Amino acid sequence: MVYLWVKSFHVLFVIAWMATVFYLPRILVNLAEAGDEPAVKARLLLMGRRLYKFGHNMFGIAFVFGLALWQGWRLWPTKLPNVAAGMHWIDAKLTLVALLLAYFVWVGRLVKRCETGGALPSAKALRWWNELPLPLLLGVIFLVLAKPF
């Protein structure tokens, strides 16, 4: 029962983090298209800054629950199973998660750059970059469900 609660909380906070991963680039697209409208830009920057902070918090909590799922069996062997014993799907999953995290940090830095008056990539380029997390997330989901190796 503990395992299911830990797993449920991990999935909940991953979903919350992924919402920020998907939405933050859309804020950047809108910033790139805002032109010379200072009120619109200020509102979008506020939203971006708050969403980025929220995303960091959600990732941190998801990480703690994920760590408990991955290594918790060492501390609580009767409560949490060893979910990756002798399997390497977890290595591939963690690689994809690291790529998603790097993407999230990069997008957050773009928000910070825009706040300081720096230039953003074009709205068209940002739209393309906005699609990158989707195949990465699909890979994570597939690895978790199929555990192919």
N, C-alpha and C. Protein backbone atom coordinates (compact mmCIF):
# COMPACT_ATOMS: atom_id res chain seq x y z
N MET A 1 0.82 -1.20 0.00
CA MET A 1 0.00 0.00 0.00
C MET A 1 0.87 1.26 0.00
N VAL A 2 1.97 1.25 0.75
CA VAL A 2 2.88 2.40 0.77
C VAL A 2 3.42 2.64 -0.63
N TYR A 3 3.79 1.56 -1.30
CA TYR A 3 4.32 1.67 -2.66
C TYR A 3 3.35 2.39 -3.58
N LEU A 4 2.07 2.04 -3.52
CA LEU A 4 1.07 2.66 -4.39
C LEU A 4 0.89 4.15 -4.07
N TRP A 5 0.94 4.51 -2.79
CA TRP A 5 0.85 5.92 -2.42
C TRP A 5 2.06 6.71 -2.91
N VAL A 6 3.24 6.16 -2.73
CA VAL A 6 4.45 6.84 -3.19
C VAL A 6 4.42 7.00 -4.71
N LYS A 7 4.03 5.95 -5.40
CA LYS A 7 3.94 5.99 -6.85
C LYS A 7 2.89 6.99 -7.32
N SER A 8 1.76 7.03 -6.64
CA SER A 8 0.69 7.98 -6.98
C SER A 8 1.15 9.42 -6.82
N PHE A 9 1.84 9.70 -5.71
CA PHE A 9 2.34 11.06 -5.51
C PHE A 9 3.42 11.41 -6.53
N HIS A 10 4.26 10.45 -6.86
CA HIS A 10 5.28 10.70 -7.88
C HIS A 10 4.62 11.08 -9.21
N VAL A 11 3.63 10.30 -9.64
CA VAL A 11 2.94 10.57 -10.90
C VAL A 11 2.23 11.92 -10.84
N LEU A 12 1.59 12.24 -9.73
CA LEU A 12 0.90 13.53 -9.57
C LEU A 12 1.86 14.70 -9.78
N PHE A 13 3.02 14.67 -9.12
CA PHE A 13 3.95 15.78 -9.22
C PHE A 13 4.67 15.80 -10.57
N VAL A 14 4.85 14.64 -11.19
CA VAL A 14 5.40 14.62 -12.55
C VAL A 14 4.42 15.30 -13.50
N ILE A 15 3.13 15.02 -13.35
CA ILE A 15 2.12 15.65 -14.21
C ILE A 15 2.15 17.17 -14.01
N ALA A 16 2.24 17.61 -12.77
CA ALA A 16 2.29 19.05 -12.51
C ALA A 16 3.54 19.67 -13.13
N TRP A 17 4.69 18.99 -13.02
CA TRP A 17 5.92 19.51 -13.62
C TRP A 17 5.80 19.54 -15.15
N MET A 18 5.27 18.48 -15.73
CA MET A 18 5.15 18.43 -17.18
C MET A 18 4.21 19.51 -17.71
N ALA A 19 3.21 19.89 -16.91
CA ALA A 19 2.35 21.00 -17.32
C ALA A 19 3.18 22.26 -17.49
N THR A 20 4.14 22.48 -16.60
CA THR A 20 5.00 23.67 -16.73
C THR A 20 5.95 23.51 -17.91
N VAL A 21 6.44 22.31 -18.13
CA VAL A 21 7.34 22.06 -19.26
C VAL A 21 6.63 22.35 -20.58
N PHE A 22 5.35 22.04 -20.66
CA PHE A 22 4.59 22.28 -21.88
C PHE A 22 4.14 23.74 -22.01
N TYR A 23 3.83 24.39 -20.91
CA TYR A 23 3.24 25.73 -21.00
C TYR A 23 4.27 26.85 -21.03
N LEU A 24 5.39 26.69 -20.37
CA LEU A 24 6.39 27.76 -20.32
C LEU A 24 6.86 28.18 -21.72
N PRO A 25 7.12 27.26 -22.64
CA PRO A 25 7.50 27.69 -23.99
C PRO A 25 6.40 28.47 -24.71
N ARG A 26 5.15 28.17 -24.41
CA ARG A 26 4.05 28.93 -25.02
C ARG A 26 4.08 30.37 -24.53
N ILE A 27 4.45 30.58 -23.29
CA ILE A 27 4.60 31.95 -22.78
C ILE A 27 5.71 32.65 -23.57
N LEU A 28 6.79 31.92 -23.86
CA LEU A 28 7.88 32.52 -24.64
C LEU A 28 7.42 32.87 -26.05
N VAL A 29 6.61 32.03 -26.67
CA VAL A 29 6.08 32.34 -28.00
C VAL A 29 5.29 33.64 -27.92
N ASN A 30 4.44 33.76 -26.92
CA ASN A 30 3.65 34.97 -26.77
C ASN A 30 4.54 36.18 -26.50
N LEU A 31 5.60 36.01 -25.73
CA LEU A 31 6.54 37.10 -25.50
C LEU A 31 7.21 37.53 -26.81
N ALA A 32 7.59 36.55 -27.61
CA ALA A 32 8.24 36.86 -28.88
C ALA A 32 7.30 37.60 -29.82
N GLU A 33 6.01 37.36 -29.68
CA GLU A 33 5.02 38.00 -30.54
C GLU A 33 4.41 39.26 -29.93
N ALA A 34 4.77 39.59 -28.69
CA ALA A 34 4.16 40.73 -28.00
C ALA A 34 4.56 42.08 -28.58
N GLY A 35 5.66 42.13 -29.29
CA GLY A 35 6.09 43.38 -29.89
C GLY A 35 6.45 44.42 -28.85
N ASP A 36 5.94 45.63 -29.06
CA ASP A 36 6.26 46.74 -28.15
C ASP A 36 5.12 47.05 -27.19
N GLU A 37 4.51 46.03 -26.67
CA GLU A 37 3.42 46.22 -25.70
C GLU A 37 3.95 45.93 -24.31
N PRO A 38 4.41 46.95 -23.58
CA PRO A 38 5.07 46.72 -22.28
C PRO A 38 4.16 46.06 -21.23
N ALA A 39 2.88 46.39 -21.23
CA ALA A 39 1.98 45.79 -20.24
C ALA A 39 1.81 44.29 -20.50
N VAL A 40 1.70 43.92 -21.76
CA VAL A 40 1.56 42.51 -22.12
C VAL A 40 2.84 41.76 -21.77
N LYS A 41 3.98 42.36 -22.15
CA LYS A 41 5.26 41.72 -21.85
C LYS A 41 5.45 41.55 -20.34
N ALA A 42 5.11 42.58 -19.57
CA ALA A 42 5.27 42.51 -18.11
C ALA A 42 4.41 41.39 -17.52
N ARG A 43 3.19 41.26 -18.00
CA ARG A 43 2.29 40.21 -17.51
C ARG A 43 2.82 38.82 -17.89
N LEU A 44 3.27 38.67 -19.12
CA LEU A 44 3.81 37.38 -19.56
C LEU A 44 5.09 37.02 -18.80
N LEU A 45 5.94 38.00 -18.56
CA LEU A 45 7.16 37.73 -17.79
C LEU A 45 6.83 37.32 -16.36
N LEU A 46 5.84 37.98 -15.76
CA LEU A 46 5.41 37.60 -14.42
C LEU A 46 4.89 36.16 -14.41
N MET A 47 4.07 35.85 -15.40
CA MET A 47 3.54 34.48 -15.51
C MET A 47 4.68 33.48 -15.70
N GLY A 48 5.61 33.81 -16.58
CA GLY A 48 6.72 32.91 -16.85
C GLY A 48 7.58 32.68 -15.62
N ARG A 49 7.88 33.75 -14.92
CA ARG A 49 8.72 33.63 -13.71
C ARG A 49 8.03 32.78 -12.65
N ARG A 50 6.75 33.01 -12.44
CA ARG A 50 6.00 32.24 -11.44
C ARG A 50 5.86 30.77 -11.85
N LEU A 51 5.60 30.55 -13.13
CA LEU A 51 5.45 29.18 -13.61
C LEU A 51 6.76 28.42 -13.51
N TYR A 52 7.86 29.10 -13.81
CA TYR A 52 9.17 28.46 -13.71
C TYR A 52 9.47 28.05 -12.27
N LYS A 53 9.17 28.94 -11.34
CA LYS A 53 9.37 28.62 -9.91
C LYS A 53 8.48 27.45 -9.50
N PHE A 54 7.22 27.48 -9.92
CA PHE A 54 6.30 26.39 -9.62
C PHE A 54 6.83 25.07 -10.18
N GLY A 55 7.33 25.12 -11.42
CA GLY A 55 7.88 23.92 -12.06
C GLY A 55 9.07 23.36 -11.30
N HIS A 56 9.94 24.25 -10.82
CA HIS A 56 11.07 23.78 -10.03
C HIS A 56 10.59 23.05 -8.77
N ASN A 57 9.60 23.62 -8.11
CA ASN A 57 9.06 22.98 -6.91
C ASN A 57 8.44 21.63 -7.22
N MET A 58 7.67 21.56 -8.30
CA MET A 58 7.03 20.30 -8.67
C MET A 58 8.07 19.25 -9.05
N PHE A 59 9.12 19.66 -9.77
CA PHE A 59 10.17 18.71 -10.11
C PHE A 59 10.86 18.19 -8.85
N GLY A 60 11.14 19.09 -7.92
CA GLY A 60 11.81 18.67 -6.68
C GLY A 60 11.01 17.64 -5.92
N ILE A 61 9.72 17.86 -5.81
CA ILE A 61 8.87 16.92 -5.08
C ILE A 61 8.76 15.59 -5.85
N ALA A 62 8.57 15.68 -7.18
CA ALA A 62 8.52 14.46 -8.00
C ALA A 62 9.83 13.69 -7.88
N PHE A 63 10.95 14.41 -7.82
CA PHE A 63 12.26 13.77 -7.69
C PHE A 63 12.37 12.99 -6.38
N VAL A 64 11.90 13.58 -5.30
CA VAL A 64 11.96 12.91 -3.99
C VAL A 64 11.14 11.62 -4.01
N PHE A 65 9.92 11.69 -4.55
CA PHE A 65 9.09 10.49 -4.61
C PHE A 65 9.68 9.47 -5.60
N GLY A 66 10.24 9.95 -6.70
CA GLY A 66 10.88 9.05 -7.66
C GLY A 66 12.09 8.36 -7.06
N LEU A 67 12.86 9.10 -6.29
CA LEU A 67 14.01 8.52 -5.61
C LEU A 67 13.57 7.44 -4.62
N ALA A 68 12.46 7.70 -3.94
CA ALA A 68 11.93 6.70 -3.01
C ALA A 68 11.50 5.44 -3.76
N LEU A 69 10.91 5.63 -4.94
CA LEU A 69 10.52 4.46 -5.74
C LEU A 69 11.72 3.69 -6.24
N TRP A 70 12.76 4.40 -6.63
CA TRP A 70 13.93 3.78 -7.23
C TRP A 70 14.83 3.12 -6.20
N GLN A 71 15.08 3.83 -5.10
CA GLN A 71 16.04 3.34 -4.10
C GLN A 71 15.43 3.10 -2.72
N GLY A 72 14.14 3.34 -2.57
CA GLY A 72 13.49 3.20 -1.27
C GLY A 72 13.53 1.80 -0.70
N TRP A 73 13.63 0.80 -1.56
CA TRP A 73 13.68 -0.58 -1.08
C TRP A 73 14.89 -0.81 -0.19
N ARG A 74 15.93 0.00 -0.33
CA ARG A 74 17.11 -0.14 0.52
C ARG A 74 16.81 0.26 1.97
N LEU A 75 15.93 1.25 2.13
CA LEU A 75 15.56 1.72 3.47
C LEU A 75 14.36 0.98 4.04
N TRP A 76 13.39 0.71 3.19
CA TRP A 76 12.15 0.05 3.63
C TRP A 76 11.88 -1.18 2.77
N PRO A 77 12.66 -2.24 2.92
CA PRO A 77 12.50 -3.41 2.03
C PRO A 77 11.15 -4.11 2.15
N THR A 78 10.47 -3.96 3.27
CA THR A 78 9.16 -4.61 3.39
C THR A 78 8.04 -3.75 2.81
N LYS A 79 8.30 -2.47 2.60
CA LYS A 79 7.26 -1.55 2.11
C LYS A 79 7.40 -1.20 0.63
N LEU A 80 8.65 -1.11 0.14
CA LEU A 80 8.88 -0.70 -1.25
C LEU A 80 9.68 -1.77 -1.99
N PRO A 81 9.20 -2.19 -3.15
CA PRO A 81 9.93 -3.22 -3.92
C PRO A 81 11.10 -2.61 -4.68
N ASN A 82 12.01 -3.45 -5.10
CA ASN A 82 13.10 -3.02 -5.96
C ASN A 82 12.56 -3.05 -7.39
N VAL A 83 12.16 -1.90 -7.89
CA VAL A 83 11.44 -1.83 -9.17
C VAL A 83 12.35 -1.97 -10.39
N ALA A 84 13.67 -1.87 -10.20
CA ALA A 84 14.57 -1.89 -11.35
C ALA A 84 15.68 -2.93 -11.21
N ALA A 85 15.46 -3.94 -10.42
CA ALA A 85 16.50 -4.94 -10.17
C ALA A 85 16.96 -5.59 -11.47
N GLY A 86 18.23 -5.39 -11.79
CA GLY A 86 18.82 -6.03 -12.96
C GLY A 86 18.28 -5.55 -14.29
N MET A 87 17.56 -4.45 -14.29
CA MET A 87 16.98 -3.95 -15.54
C MET A 87 17.60 -2.60 -15.88
N HIS A 88 17.63 -2.29 -17.16
CA HIS A 88 18.26 -1.04 -17.58
C HIS A 88 17.29 -0.03 -18.18
N TRP A 89 16.01 -0.35 -18.16
CA TRP A 89 15.04 0.62 -18.64
C TRP A 89 15.11 1.88 -17.80
N ILE A 90 15.40 1.73 -16.52
CA ILE A 90 15.45 2.89 -15.62
C ILE A 90 16.56 3.84 -16.03
N ASP A 91 17.67 3.30 -16.55
CA ASP A 91 18.77 4.15 -17.00
C ASP A 91 18.33 5.01 -18.19
N ALA A 92 17.64 4.39 -19.12
CA ALA A 92 17.14 5.12 -20.29
C ALA A 92 16.09 6.15 -19.86
N LYS A 93 15.23 5.76 -18.95
CA LYS A 93 14.20 6.69 -18.47
C LYS A 93 14.85 7.89 -17.80
N LEU A 94 15.81 7.66 -16.94
CA LEU A 94 16.47 8.76 -16.25
C LEU A 94 17.24 9.66 -17.22
N THR A 95 17.76 9.09 -18.29
CA THR A 95 18.42 9.89 -19.33
C THR A 95 17.42 10.83 -20.00
N LEU A 96 16.25 10.30 -20.33
CA LEU A 96 15.21 11.14 -20.94
C LEU A 96 14.72 12.21 -19.97
N VAL A 97 14.58 11.85 -18.69
CA VAL A 97 14.17 12.83 -17.68
C VAL A 97 15.24 13.93 -17.55
N ALA A 98 16.51 13.54 -17.61
CA ALA A 98 17.59 14.54 -17.55
C ALA A 98 17.51 15.48 -18.75
N LEU A 99 17.18 14.95 -19.93
CA LEU A 99 17.01 15.81 -21.10
C LEU A 99 15.82 16.75 -20.93
N LEU A 100 14.73 16.24 -20.37
CA LEU A 100 13.57 17.10 -20.10
C LEU A 100 13.93 18.20 -19.09
N LEU A 101 14.70 17.84 -18.08
CA LEU A 101 15.11 18.83 -17.09
C LEU A 101 16.02 19.88 -17.73
N ALA A 102 16.95 19.46 -18.57
CA ALA A 102 17.83 20.41 -19.26
C ALA A 102 17.01 21.35 -20.14
N TYR A 103 16.03 20.82 -20.83
CA TYR A 103 15.13 21.64 -21.65
C TYR A 103 14.39 22.65 -20.78
N PHE A 104 13.86 22.21 -19.66
CA PHE A 104 13.13 23.08 -18.74
C PHE A 104 14.02 24.21 -18.24
N VAL A 105 15.25 23.90 -17.85
CA VAL A 105 16.18 24.91 -17.37
C VAL A 105 16.51 25.89 -18.50
N TRP A 106 16.72 25.38 -19.71
CA TRP A 106 17.01 26.25 -20.85
C TRP A 106 15.87 27.23 -21.11
N VAL A 107 14.63 26.73 -21.07
CA VAL A 107 13.46 27.58 -21.29
C VAL A 107 13.37 28.62 -20.17
N GLY A 108 13.65 28.20 -18.94
CA GLY A 108 13.65 29.15 -17.82
C GLY A 108 14.70 30.23 -18.00
N ARG A 109 15.84 29.87 -18.53
CA ARG A 109 16.89 30.88 -18.79
C ARG A 109 16.47 31.84 -19.89
N LEU A 110 15.71 31.35 -20.86
CA LEU A 110 15.18 32.25 -21.88
C LEU A 110 14.23 33.27 -21.27
N VAL A 111 13.41 32.84 -20.31
CA VAL A 111 12.53 33.78 -19.62
C VAL A 111 13.37 34.83 -18.89
N LYS A 112 14.39 34.38 -18.17
CA LYS A 112 15.25 35.32 -17.45
C LYS A 112 15.99 36.25 -18.40
N ARG A 113 16.43 35.73 -19.54
CA ARG A 113 17.10 36.57 -20.53
C ARG A 113 16.15 37.66 -21.04
N CYS A 114 14.92 37.28 -21.29
CA CYS A 114 13.93 38.24 -21.78
C CYS A 114 13.66 39.32 -20.72
N GLU A 115 13.66 38.92 -19.46
CA GLU A 115 13.46 39.90 -18.37
C GLU A 115 14.54 40.97 -18.35
N THR A 116 15.75 40.58 -18.70
CA THR A 116 16.87 41.53 -18.68
C THR A 116 17.04 42.24 -20.01
N GLY A 117 16.10 42.08 -20.91
CA GLY A 117 16.15 42.78 -22.19
C GLY A 117 16.83 42.01 -23.30
N GLY A 118 17.21 40.77 -23.06
CA GLY A 118 17.86 39.96 -24.07
C GLY A 118 16.88 39.51 -25.14
N ALA A 119 17.43 39.13 -26.26
CA ALA A 119 16.61 38.69 -27.40
C ALA A 119 16.20 37.23 -27.24
N LEU A 120 15.04 36.94 -27.76
CA LEU A 120 14.53 35.57 -27.81
C LEU A 120 14.68 35.03 -29.23
N PRO A 121 14.71 33.72 -29.38
CA PRO A 121 14.60 33.17 -30.74
C PRO A 121 13.26 33.60 -31.35
N SER A 122 13.10 33.41 -32.63
CA SER A 122 11.85 33.79 -33.29
C SER A 122 10.69 32.98 -32.75
N ALA A 123 9.49 33.51 -32.91
CA ALA A 123 8.29 32.80 -32.47
C ALA A 123 8.17 31.46 -33.19
N LYS A 124 8.55 31.43 -34.46
CA LYS A 124 8.48 30.18 -35.23
C LYS A 124 9.44 29.14 -34.65
N ALA A 125 10.66 29.56 -34.34
CA ALA A 125 11.63 28.63 -33.74
C ALA A 125 11.15 28.15 -32.37
N LEU A 126 10.58 29.05 -31.60
CA LEU A 126 10.07 28.67 -30.28
C LEU A 126 8.92 27.68 -30.39
N ARG A 127 8.10 27.83 -31.42
CA ARG A 127 7.02 26.87 -31.64
C ARG A 127 7.59 25.47 -31.91
N TRP A 128 8.65 25.39 -32.71
CA TRP A 128 9.29 24.10 -32.97
C TRP A 128 9.89 23.53 -31.69
N TRP A 129 10.60 24.37 -30.93
CA TRP A 129 11.19 23.91 -29.66
C TRP A 129 10.11 23.45 -28.69
N ASN A 130 8.93 24.05 -28.80
CA ASN A 130 7.83 23.70 -27.91
C ASN A 130 7.40 22.24 -28.07
N GLU A 131 7.68 21.65 -29.23
CA GLU A 131 7.26 20.27 -29.49
C GLU A 131 8.24 19.24 -28.96
N LEU A 132 9.45 19.64 -28.61
CA LEU A 132 10.49 18.70 -28.19
C LEU A 132 10.11 17.84 -26.97
N PRO A 133 9.47 18.39 -25.94
CA PRO A 133 9.18 17.54 -24.77
C PRO A 133 8.22 16.38 -25.05
N LEU A 134 7.38 16.52 -26.06
CA LEU A 134 6.38 15.48 -26.31
C LEU A 134 7.00 14.12 -26.64
N PRO A 135 7.91 14.02 -27.61
CA PRO A 135 8.51 12.70 -27.85
C PRO A 135 9.37 12.22 -26.68
N LEU A 136 9.99 13.13 -25.95
CA LEU A 136 10.77 12.72 -24.78
C LEU A 136 9.85 12.10 -23.73
N LEU A 137 8.72 12.77 -23.48
CA LEU A 137 7.76 12.24 -22.51
C LEU A 137 7.18 10.91 -22.98
N LEU A 138 6.92 10.78 -24.27
CA LEU A 138 6.42 9.51 -24.80
C LEU A 138 7.44 8.40 -24.54
N GLY A 139 8.71 8.70 -24.72
CA GLY A 139 9.75 7.72 -24.42
C GLY A 139 9.76 7.31 -22.97
N VAL A 140 9.60 8.28 -22.07
CA VAL A 140 9.55 7.98 -20.63
C VAL A 140 8.37 7.06 -20.34
N ILE A 141 7.21 7.42 -20.86
CA ILE A 141 6.00 6.63 -20.60
C ILE A 141 6.18 5.20 -21.13
N PHE A 142 6.68 5.08 -22.35
CA PHE A 142 6.88 3.75 -22.92
C PHE A 142 7.83 2.92 -22.06
N LEU A 143 8.95 3.51 -21.65
CA LEU A 143 9.92 2.77 -20.85
C LEU A 143 9.33 2.31 -19.52
N VAL A 144 8.55 3.18 -18.89
CA VAL A 144 7.96 2.82 -17.60
C VAL A 144 6.93 1.70 -17.76
N LEU A 145 6.12 1.78 -18.81
CA LEU A 145 5.08 0.77 -18.98
C LEU A 145 5.62 -0.55 -19.54
N ALA A 146 6.50 -0.47 -20.53
CA ALA A 146 6.96 -1.71 -21.20
C ALA A 146 8.16 -2.35 -20.51
N LYS A 147 9.00 -1.54 -19.86
CA LYS A 147 10.24 -2.05 -19.26
C LYS A 147 10.93 -3.00 -20.25
N PRO A 148 11.31 -2.51 -21.45
CA PRO A 148 11.76 -3.39 -22.52
C PRO A 148 13.13 -4.04 -22.32
N PHE A 149 13.92 -3.53 -21.41
CA PHE A 149 15.25 -4.13 -21.19
C PHE A 149 15.71 -3.88 -19.78
